[in-house]
């Protein structure tokens, strides 16, 4: 896929692939190119000296929030005004499954990230605007007015399923031996429901997908069509592409042969290993990925943000294979990950273009990288699951609040909604949640209106407002844990607005190398903690930091609080009214 789409998503100059700019600066600094030799940083340091000093400082600092004082990760100061009040917890807590984290702070760099320093300002304002609209405005209205029985489910932001009386929906007794749903047992029991915010997440996802397609068609369709019609020797080629003409190109046959082999092996896996997904279902998933990778990739390359295919693949598979959750997960993995991996490979090809790496060397590196990466990722997954299984599956709660298993919970919850139960049951005409399909219409219409306004008022940059990115922000935290929103907004406005506008030379000199150093230092800390202090290699190497004010825990977890953020009571305490007194 990447080989076919490189002409449209790599070669045009407008396809920037913003994350590559950080790597370009970093690699040039490592190799100490002539351009970077002439540049001096703070106190006359070289780029690499500056990088390692900042990286080391961040490595040391991150021990504080990630290990010694996890309260600094979830600094929910408004919740402390009344820590055991149910509404305060729902609105101001930012722990997993907790609340909306309104005005919550975080002093953990991993919750903010270096992308805040270099992603386009319009992209970030659209995304964070969506977060604020969804979690700071819409959610409080839903919660305080108990719309769709929002207070019935215990946790306001959760991907779990519940019965009509708010009890957890047990899917196990309804499954046959092959994990398909027994229709008679399901119809004899209580129907499944979900929290209103989780239902809205699906509608926001549909807005994002339809909005992406419509926005690209309206504002970039002409450019893509022009590129489609161009010949190889076009006079409008990007300067980087012209400079790469000295190297032999990778034939399309190489990509095609590798694709055919991998598709054949994938079909064999589906048929042999009982994934409930027939070979033709796999081809449908790949066809869906082929259709959507180009427009979504164009948005990602231009803006730095894009919607995923996870929800649309679940929906399509749910209609084709209802009652089969394993098939739904397999369909989602092949459909979504084909696009995701393709975008990663396209970004690497653009990096090769920037760095003038021979295309055939890039092909070889990507091939070996994919193989080696698959093996190491699989082994790493096993190590993490074995070391943290009880925290990830919800049997126990991580006192630090950092290991929550939110992603696999969302993955399995979606498989139940779209696979086991199916979209007809969950989102059919008689369902509580049939409104989610309006998302397709909203996403498709808004960019058309913008395009019309851009023709009538050409001096206004209408294309900078992107409904797909706004909707992506609105669905950013399906399982909760909205940490780092406010500090990210502050850093975005300071760095990408004030510094970029009024200190442009400083911004150009420091942004990318500083971002790389901060992210690298934080990543090294996380790796070091997992291996040497949190039992990553062996359970014997598991050393908890002593309990104190910023790391409150004992044999009862975070008691009397629900979580490490010193906020919230346990559900049975709320129900019984036996709330504890906050410690002084």
Foldseek 3Di string as FASTA:
>chain_A
DLVVCLLQQFWDPLLALQVLVLVVVVVCQVVVDPVQVVDADPPRHGLVVVLQVLLQVLLVVQCCCVAVFVLLQFQQPQCVVPFADQLSFQQQGFFWLIHLNVVTAHPHQVLQALVLQTFALLLLCLQLLLSCCQRVPVLVVCVVVCPVVQVQQQGNFALFKAFPNNHGDDQVVQADPLRFGNVVVQVVDTHIDDHPLLLVLLLLLLLLQLLLVQLCCLPPVVVSVVSVPDDPPDPNIDPLVVVLVVFDADDVVVVVVVVVVVLVVLQVCCVPVSLLAHSVLLVVLQVLLVVRLSSQSSCCSNRVDGRFCQSVQLQVVLVVAARRLSNSLSSSCSNGVVSVVSSVLSSLVSSCSVVVPRNVVSVVCVVVCVVVVVVVVVVLVVLVCVLQVCQLVVVDPDLSSPRHVRVVSNSSSSSCCPHNHRCCSDQNPPHPSVCSVCSSVNSNVVSVVLSVVCVVVVVDPSSSNRSSSSSCSSSVRSRGSSTPSVVSVVSSCVNNPVCCVPVVVVSVVCSSSSSVSSVSSSVVSVVCCLVQARQSPHPVRHHHHDADDSRAQDPVRNPPAPHSNSRHHDPVCVVVVVRDDRDD
